[in-house]
Amino acid sequence: MAHEPCSVEDLWAGDRSRVGVCVSITPKDGVRYEDLQREVFDRVRWPDRDLRWHAHRRARDDGKSDDDAWVMEATASCLASSGDESQVAYRVEGVAHDVVEECEVLVSAPCHVPFMDLTLADVDISAAAVARASRDEARDDGDGRGPGAFGRDAAGGEPRESPVQMFLRTGLAASAASAVDPDDLARLVAVAARRVASAEKALHANHPAIRVGEDVFAFREMGSRGGRRFDLLFPKPEWDADESTEARTDAAFVRDFATRAPWVPTLVEPILGKNDKSADDDAHASIESGTARCDAQDEPPRRHRSNAWWCDVSVVYSKPGAPAQDWHCDGRHLAGEARADFTGLGASPPYAVCVFCPLIDLDATVGFTQFWAGSHVTDGLIGFGAAAEVLRGCVDGIANKGGFVAYDYRTMHRGMGNRSGDTTRPVLQFLYARSNYRETKNYGVRSVFRPGT
């Protein structure tokens, strides 16, 4: 059977993959934003590369001293290979030369490029933050608060985003102010301090060869997270043989709190489902009485079988001098589950929600965790962390003691350095995950409470 002749472009097309591109477009003097956007999106085409425009926003032109100077930033996708997506900028300059002064590619990636310019206030779901947003809207000229606002608008019109809708879109939700009951918070601080002291004592006694703060190590309960940063799990029921009575009692309190924390009814249950309360009560009672037993190694613990989700709790603490981490995500995108298309839509729902709750007030000196808003919908951004700053996608998780930042476990983030002289930064980490998910990569197998061999 005869085949239609192929062009050189047809032959090369098989070597190309679709890439996401973000460009910055400087207008000619006197051009209005809406005219620039319309001209570029309507006129700039590239049929051979299937160029598609996706989103746009107005941004300040940092290259000019005039505060009113602006550029249009826009995202697109096209077929490209070997970096030739840079030709998108040349095409914009050539086709729309009457309205465009200059165009440059800011970022290109093999996936959707997140395009969110948010602060923690934009994803703050506390009652006080909602009230502030409503007051701001009442004084607004009609444009609203933007992507972080939710509830009803100032005129009582159509509902805005709910906390869950915002979380699914941005990968984040927070309360900068304390959200935890003061009595619970005081006890959480105390049990975290006891857990850290006990683990560090065991680490030095049982594994003296480890140079703490320099060596990389991973125990069942504890792992290093770069330099002077550590992640320490609270005991699980199946670890009873290695834990003291005090540790088991503290763990029972922490697990009980994890089921009734303020973010559970607001975020965890709507996203992951509700647990069987009787199973939680049974587990709580067995820990308090010291009767919990280890399940068979090839069978998940009871909480995995009978509930919609399980929760592990750890204290992540950064000592003075801890450096900033590289951008990373703790949770992978699961095999067989959907990633977002180049518009940012279509990703599978979260299989895990992680919550950071600081036990001290966070600031730029003791440090905090920085998040890349919208990065949870694709795994193609690994290695592209620097783009978060270029695109103004960084959200600084600066919360007060007892506040929280909840994030989709797939969201890219990094712990910032602790530049204080004498203050350790302790943060409780609550990992809520669907019952069929097993965490395997973040800890080791040996117990820190047993002597090394």
Foldseek 3Di string as FASTA:
>chain_A
DDDDDDDPLRVCLVVWAKKKWKKKFFWDPPDDPVNLVCCQQPFQDDVSFRKHWFDKDKDADPVDPDRPGIIIMTMIMTIDPPPPVQCSQVSSCVRVVVTTPGMGILDMFRAADDQDQDALLLQEPDPVSLVVQQVVQVVDPNPGDPLSHFQAHNVRDDTGDASQRSCQQWQKHWHQEAQDDPVLLVLVVVLQVVQVVVLVVLLCVQPVVDDAQPDFAFAPAKTADAGQKIKGWQDDLAVLVLDDLVSLLSSLSVQVCLLVPPVCVRHVCVQQNFFDVVVNVVRSVCSNVVNRHHDPPVDDPPRLVRTQKGKIKIKMKGWAPGAKDDKDFQDDQDPPFDAAHNNLDDGDGFQKKKKKAWQAQDDPQQWFKKWQTSQQRDPRCVVVRVVSVSSNRIYTSGHGHNMMMMGRRSTIMMTHHNNDDGDMIIIMMMMMGGSPDDRDPDHDYHHSSHHDD
